[in-house]
Amino acid sequence: MESQFLNDMKLMQAHTIHEVSYGEGHVSWHEFGDAKTEGIPLILLHGGHGSWEHWHRNVEELSEHFHVFVPDMPGFGNSSFFDSQLKAGMISPLVGTINDLIGKDKQIQIAGFSFGGFVAAHLANQRPGITKLALLGSAGHGGPRRPRGELLAWRELYANGHQQELQRVMRENLYLQMLSSYDRIDSLAIRIHQDACVATRFRSRPIARPGGLAEQLEAYAGPVLMIWGEHDITCTPEYLVEKLVSEKQNRSAEIILDVGHWVQYEKPEQVNSLLVQWFK
């Protein structure tokens, strides 16, 4: 536990937090590296019921190669909630704060995880200058899922301060949806997941579950890398390779073996290497 605490402190000290105003609120952005880094800045978008810490095991290494920006997306983490609709509550605040923080005419590239992949595809068609995408276990595909079971309720446990039982439920939910095996669910994963669930106000499931990703990708002409975990329960990777990647000249696919949905947490070295190769 002490080692994990020291690692968390090191990570927090290694970056700058920007509270970028938008409308009556703000979007919280975490900046790693600096403008002296060669190449196009890289934005990382987290998933639903998530926060910037979905990229906890990736930001340090990626910032050795890119100037990295990671938001708590609107309605998640420490960012303000603006609206329940995708454009008004998510896309417009992100575009506005990206332009203020990085520059309106600045080229950027985006990696999006889960719901963040769906958001990234929309951003690519709303904000000029997005040169490349990488979508990890992207939501919005509208295809078959492979659920392990119903997620367990946790809000009452949190409200009543039943911390030990709450952690047990969070661990079970991580296994049901995010990670491939119990032995990979460590205290860090539980802490990240619990903090993010408690802070979530934007409801992504009604927006992304019906589909829409294919249409957004058809409208985007830039290069797209799509990554799935072999045991991702939110989709059937082979089906999506055929549906979204095959015969598409601008798209590539990778299926990472022996991992679930949260691929960049389970196998950070492999995912970091893929992203560095793709974006450089």
Protein backbone atom coordinates (compact mmCIF):
# COMPACT_ATOMS: atom_id res chain seq x y z
CA MET A 1 0.00 0.00 0.00
CA GLU A 2 2.85 2.40 0.82
CA SER A 3 4.48 1.72 -2.54
CA GLN A 4 1.22 2.45 -4.34
CA PHE A 5 0.79 5.67 -2.34
CA LEU A 6 4.27 6.82 -3.35
CA ASN A 7 3.58 5.97 -6.99
CA ASP A 8 0.33 7.96 -6.88
CA MET A 9 2.13 10.93 -5.34
CA LYS A 10 4.87 10.77 -7.98
CA LEU A 11 2.29 10.75 -10.76
CA MET A 12 0.37 13.68 -9.28
CA GLN A 13 3.58 15.72 -9.02
CA ALA A 14 4.56 14.91 -12.61
CA HIS A 15 1.85 16.95 -14.28
CA THR A 16 -0.09 20.19 -14.33
CA ILE A 17 -3.84 20.53 -13.78
CA HIS A 18 -5.78 23.16 -15.73
CA GLU A 19 -9.35 24.13 -14.84
CA VAL A 20 -10.41 25.51 -18.23
CA SER A 21 -13.57 27.62 -18.12
CA TYR A 22 -16.52 26.84 -20.34
CA GLY A 23 -19.96 28.41 -19.97
CA GLU A 24 -20.88 28.46 -16.29
CA GLY A 25 -18.42 25.71 -15.39
CA HIS A 26 -15.05 24.22 -16.30
CA VAL A 27 -13.31 21.15 -17.68
CA SER A 28 -10.41 19.75 -15.68
CA TRP A 29 -7.40 18.90 -17.88
CA HIS A 30 -4.23 17.08 -16.83
CA GLU A 31 -1.09 17.95 -18.79
CA PHE A 32 1.94 15.67 -19.00
CA GLY A 33 5.20 16.55 -20.74
CA ASP A 34 5.61 19.94 -22.38
CA ALA A 35 5.39 21.84 -25.63
CA LYS A 36 9.06 21.11 -26.39
CA THR A 37 8.12 17.50 -27.17
CA GLU A 38 8.27 16.96 -30.91
CA GLY A 39 5.17 15.95 -32.81
CA ILE A 40 1.45 16.52 -32.51
CA PRO A 41 -0.11 16.75 -29.02
CA LEU A 42 -1.94 13.63 -27.87
CA ILE A 43 -5.29 13.74 -26.07
CA LEU A 44 -6.46 10.71 -24.06
CA LEU A 45 -10.18 10.30 -23.33
CA HIS A 46 -11.45 8.01 -20.57
CA GLY A 47 -14.50 5.75 -20.51
CA GLY A 48 -17.94 5.98 -18.94
CA HIS A 49 -17.98 5.85 -15.12
CA GLY A 50 -14.36 6.89 -15.47
CA SER A 51 -11.91 9.72 -15.03
CA TRP A 52 -8.52 10.72 -16.39
CA GLU A 53 -7.11 7.92 -14.24
CA HIS A 54 -8.31 5.30 -16.69
CA TRP A 55 -4.91 6.20 -18.21
CA HIS A 56 -3.02 6.00 -14.89
CA ARG A 57 -0.59 3.34 -16.15
CA ASN A 58 0.03 5.02 -19.48
CA VAL A 59 0.52 8.76 -19.10
CA GLU A 60 4.10 8.75 -17.85
CA GLU A 61 5.47 6.63 -20.67
CA LEU A 62 3.38 8.31 -23.35
CA SER A 63 4.54 11.74 -22.14
CA GLU A 64 8.10 10.72 -22.98
CA HIS A 65 7.02 10.75 -26.63
CA PHE A 66 4.13 13.24 -26.78
CA HIS A 67 2.79 16.35 -25.15
CA VAL A 68 -0.16 14.64 -23.43
CA PHE A 69 -3.48 16.14 -22.31
CA VAL A 70 -6.05 14.08 -20.40
CA PRO A 71 -9.40 15.54 -19.27
CA ASP A 72 -11.96 14.51 -16.79
CA MET A 73 -14.61 14.69 -19.48
CA PRO A 74 -17.62 16.94 -18.75
CA GLY A 75 -19.84 15.38 -16.10
CA PHE A 76 -17.05 13.11 -14.85
CA GLY A 77 -14.37 13.45 -12.19
CA ASN A 78 -13.66 17.06 -11.26
CA SER A 79 -15.22 18.59 -14.38
CA SER A 80 -18.56 20.36 -14.43
CA PHE A 81 -21.74 18.77 -15.75
CA PHE A 82 -23.23 20.89 -18.55
CA ASP A 83 -26.05 18.96 -20.22
CA SER A 84 -27.28 15.39 -20.67
CA GLN A 85 -27.12 15.59 -24.47
CA LEU A 86 -23.95 14.48 -26.26
CA LYS A 87 -23.24 17.65 -28.26
CA ALA A 88 -24.24 20.23 -25.66
CA GLY A 89 -22.95 18.34 -22.64
CA MET A 90 -19.81 16.69 -24.00
CA ILE A 91 -18.63 17.59 -27.52
CA SER A 92 -19.02 21.37 -27.37
CA PRO A 93 -17.32 21.75 -23.95
CA LEU A 94 -14.42 19.56 -25.09
CA VAL A 95 -13.96 21.42 -28.37
CA GLY A 96 -14.11 24.76 -26.59
CA THR A 97 -11.60 23.87 -23.89
CA ILE A 98 -9.26 22.08 -26.33
CA ASN A 99 -9.12 25.22 -28.41
CA ASP A 100 -8.49 27.39 -25.35
CA LEU A 101 -5.86 25.11 -23.82
CA ILE A 102 -3.99 23.80 -26.87
CA GLY A 103 -4.94 26.24 -29.61
CA LYS A 104 -7.80 26.57 -32.08
CA ASP A 105 -5.64 25.93 -35.12
CA LYS A 106 -3.38 23.35 -33.51
CA GLN A 107 -3.35 19.82 -34.89
CA ILE A 108 -4.11 17.11 -32.33
CA GLN A 109 -4.48 13.34 -32.21
CA ILE A 110 -6.75 11.39 -29.89
CA ALA A 111 -6.86 8.01 -28.18
CA GLY A 112 -10.25 7.22 -26.66
CA PHE A 113 -11.17 4.35 -24.35
CA SER A 114 -14.70 2.87 -24.25
CA PHE A 115 -17.16 5.79 -24.18
CA GLY A 116 -14.15 8.03 -24.81
CA GLY A 117 -13.67 6.25 -28.15
CA PHE A 118 -17.22 7.15 -29.15
CA VAL A 119 -16.58 10.75 -28.08
CA ALA A 120 -13.29 10.81 -30.00
CA ALA A 121 -15.05 9.75 -33.21
CA HIS A 122 -17.55 12.59 -32.80
CA LEU A 123 -14.79 15.10 -32.04
CA ALA A 124 -12.98 14.05 -35.22
CA ASN A 125 -15.98 15.28 -37.21
CA GLN A 126 -16.61 18.42 -35.15
CA ARG A 127 -13.17 19.88 -34.57
CA PRO A 128 -10.83 20.37 -37.59
CA GLY A 129 -7.22 19.30 -37.30
CA ILE A 130 -7.58 15.86 -35.67
CA THR A 131 -5.01 13.91 -37.62
CA LYS A 132 -5.30 10.37 -36.17
CA LEU A 133 -7.50 8.31 -33.87
CA ALA A 134 -6.93 5.25 -31.72
CA LEU A 135 -10.09 3.72 -30.26
CA LEU A 136 -9.69 1.19 -27.43
CA GLY A 137 -12.74 -0.97 -26.77
CA SER A 138 -14.88 1.81 -28.21
CA ALA A 139 -18.51 2.14 -27.23
CA GLY A 140 -21.19 2.99 -29.77
CA HIS A 141 -20.67 -0.06 -31.97
CA GLY A 142 -24.23 -1.35 -31.54
CA GLY A 143 -23.06 -4.94 -31.89
CA PRO A 144 -23.36 -7.99 -29.62
CA ARG A 145 -22.03 -7.92 -26.06
CA ARG A 146 -20.85 -10.83 -23.88
CA PRO A 147 -21.95 -9.95 -20.33
CA ARG A 148 -20.69 -11.96 -17.37
CA GLY A 149 -23.61 -10.84 -15.23
CA GLU A 150 -25.48 -7.83 -13.90
CA LEU A 151 -23.40 -5.15 -12.19
CA LEU A 152 -23.92 -4.94 -8.42
CA ALA A 153 -25.54 -1.92 -6.77
CA TRP A 154 -23.12 0.22 -4.76
CA ARG A 155 -24.70 3.64 -4.08
CA GLU A 156 -26.42 2.68 -0.82
CA LEU A 157 -23.22 1.12 0.50
CA TYR A 158 -21.34 4.33 -0.31
CA ALA A 159 -24.02 6.54 1.24
CA ASN A 160 -24.00 4.52 4.47
CA GLY A 161 -20.21 4.36 4.73
CA HIS A 162 -19.91 0.57 4.38
CA GLN A 163 -16.41 0.80 2.96
CA GLN A 164 -15.35 -2.84 3.21
CA GLU A 165 -18.48 -4.11 1.47
CA LEU A 166 -18.26 -1.27 -1.04
CA GLN A 167 -14.76 -2.33 -2.05
CA ARG A 168 -15.97 -5.93 -2.45
CA VAL A 169 -18.73 -4.75 -4.79
CA MET A 170 -16.36 -2.54 -6.76
CA ARG A 171 -13.98 -5.48 -7.16
CA GLU A 172 -16.80 -7.69 -8.40
CA ASN A 173 -17.98 -5.04 -10.86
CA LEU A 174 -14.45 -4.62 -12.20
CA TYR A 175 -14.42 -8.35 -12.93
CA LEU A 176 -17.90 -8.27 -14.47
CA GLN A 177 -17.11 -5.45 -16.89
CA MET A 178 -13.53 -4.18 -16.95
CA LEU A 179 -10.78 -6.71 -16.22
CA SER A 180 -10.27 -10.28 -17.33
CA SER A 181 -9.46 -11.97 -14.03
CA TYR A 182 -9.73 -11.41 -10.28
CA ASP A 183 -5.97 -11.60 -9.73
CA ARG A 184 -5.48 -8.44 -11.82
CA ILE A 185 -7.88 -6.39 -9.71
CA ASP A 186 -5.51 -4.63 -7.34
CA SER A 187 -6.10 -1.86 -4.81
CA LEU A 188 -5.27 0.81 -7.40
CA ALA A 189 -7.92 -0.44 -9.84
CA ILE A 190 -10.52 -0.51 -7.06
CA ARG A 191 -9.63 3.00 -5.88
CA ILE A 192 -9.73 4.46 -9.41
CA HIS A 193 -13.03 2.75 -10.19
CA GLN A 194 -14.70 3.74 -6.93
CA ASP A 195 -13.61 7.39 -7.14
CA ALA A 196 -14.81 7.61 -10.74
CA CYS A 197 -18.18 5.96 -10.10
CA VAL A 198 -18.91 8.30 -7.19
CA ALA A 199 -18.08 11.39 -9.28
CA THR A 200 -19.98 10.39 -12.45
CA ARG A 201 -22.95 12.60 -13.38
CA PHE A 202 -23.05 12.22 -17.17
CA ARG A 203 -24.97 9.10 -18.24
CA SER A 204 -23.15 7.64 -21.23
CA ARG A 205 -25.00 4.33 -21.63
CA PRO A 206 -28.26 5.67 -23.16
CA ILE A 207 -26.21 7.66 -25.67
CA ALA A 208 -23.65 5.07 -26.77
CA ARG A 209 -25.47 1.74 -26.38
CA PRO A 210 -27.81 2.18 -29.41
CA GLY A 211 -24.87 2.65 -31.81
CA GLY A 212 -23.65 5.44 -34.07
CA LEU A 213 -19.92 4.74 -34.11
CA ALA A 214 -19.93 3.31 -37.64
CA GLU A 215 -21.55 6.45 -39.03
CA GLN A 216 -19.02 8.71 -37.32
CA LEU A 217 -16.11 6.65 -38.64
CA GLU A 218 -17.52 6.75 -42.18
CA ALA A 219 -17.49 10.54 -42.01
CA TYR A 220 -13.85 10.70 -40.84
CA ALA A 221 -11.19 10.25 -43.51
CA GLY A 222 -8.14 10.12 -41.24
CA PRO A 223 -6.30 7.00 -40.03
CA VAL A 224 -7.99 4.99 -37.26
CA LEU A 225 -6.49 2.24 -35.11
CA MET A 226 -9.04 0.09 -33.30
CA ILE A 227 -7.89 -1.99 -30.31
CA TRP A 228 -9.85 -4.60 -28.39
CA GLY A 229 -9.07 -7.00 -25.60
CA GLU A 230 -9.57 -10.67 -26.40
CA HIS A 231 -11.99 -11.08 -23.49
CA ASP A 232 -13.77 -7.71 -23.75
CA ILE A 233 -17.32 -8.33 -22.55
CA THR A 234 -18.66 -5.10 -24.06
CA CYS A 235 -18.33 -6.47 -27.59
CA THR A 236 -17.26 -9.38 -29.79
CA PRO A 237 -13.92 -8.19 -31.22
CA GLU A 238 -13.88 -10.49 -34.26
CA TYR A 239 -17.35 -9.30 -35.24
CA LEU A 240 -16.27 -5.66 -34.98
CA VAL A 241 -13.11 -6.21 -37.00
CA GLU A 242 -15.30 -7.51 -39.80
CA LYS A 243 -17.91 -4.78 -39.38
CA LEU A 244 -15.74 -1.72 -38.76
CA VAL A 245 -12.24 -2.44 -40.09
CA SER A 246 -12.22 -4.96 -42.94
CA GLU A 247 -11.93 -3.39 -46.41
CA LYS A 248 -11.53 0.08 -44.88
CA GLN A 249 -8.32 1.56 -46.26
CA ASN A 250 -7.83 4.03 -43.42
CA ARG A 251 -8.43 1.59 -40.53
CA SER A 252 -6.29 -0.95 -38.69
CA ALA A 253 -7.13 -3.39 -35.91
CA GLU A 254 -5.35 -5.06 -33.00
CA ILE A 255 -6.80 -7.68 -30.65
CA ILE A 256 -4.73 -7.92 -27.49
CA LEU A 257 -4.66 -11.42 -26.04
CA ASP A 258 -5.44 -12.33 -22.44
CA VAL A 259 -7.08 -9.04 -21.44
CA GLY A 260 -10.56 -7.68 -20.91
CA HIS A 261 -12.14 -4.31 -21.63
CA TRP A 262 -9.68 -2.04 -19.76
CA VAL A 263 -6.80 -3.02 -22.02
CA GLN A 264 -4.47 -0.14 -21.20
CA TYR A 265 -4.59 -1.02 -17.49
CA GLU A 266 -4.10 -4.78 -17.84
CA LYS A 267 -1.28 -4.59 -20.40
CA PRO A 268 0.08 -1.04 -20.26
CA GLU A 269 3.44 -1.82 -21.85
CA GLN A 270 1.87 -3.44 -24.90
CA VAL A 271 -0.75 -0.71 -25.31
CA ASN A 272 1.80 2.08 -24.79
CA SER A 273 4.02 0.55 -27.46
CA LEU A 274 1.11 0.29 -29.91
CA LEU A 275 0.09 3.89 -29.31
CA VAL A 276 3.64 5.23 -29.65
CA GLN A 277 4.10 3.38 -32.94
CA TRP A 278 0.72 4.52 -34.24
CA PHE A 279 0.89 8.18 -33.32
CA LYS A 280 4.56 8.71 -34.20
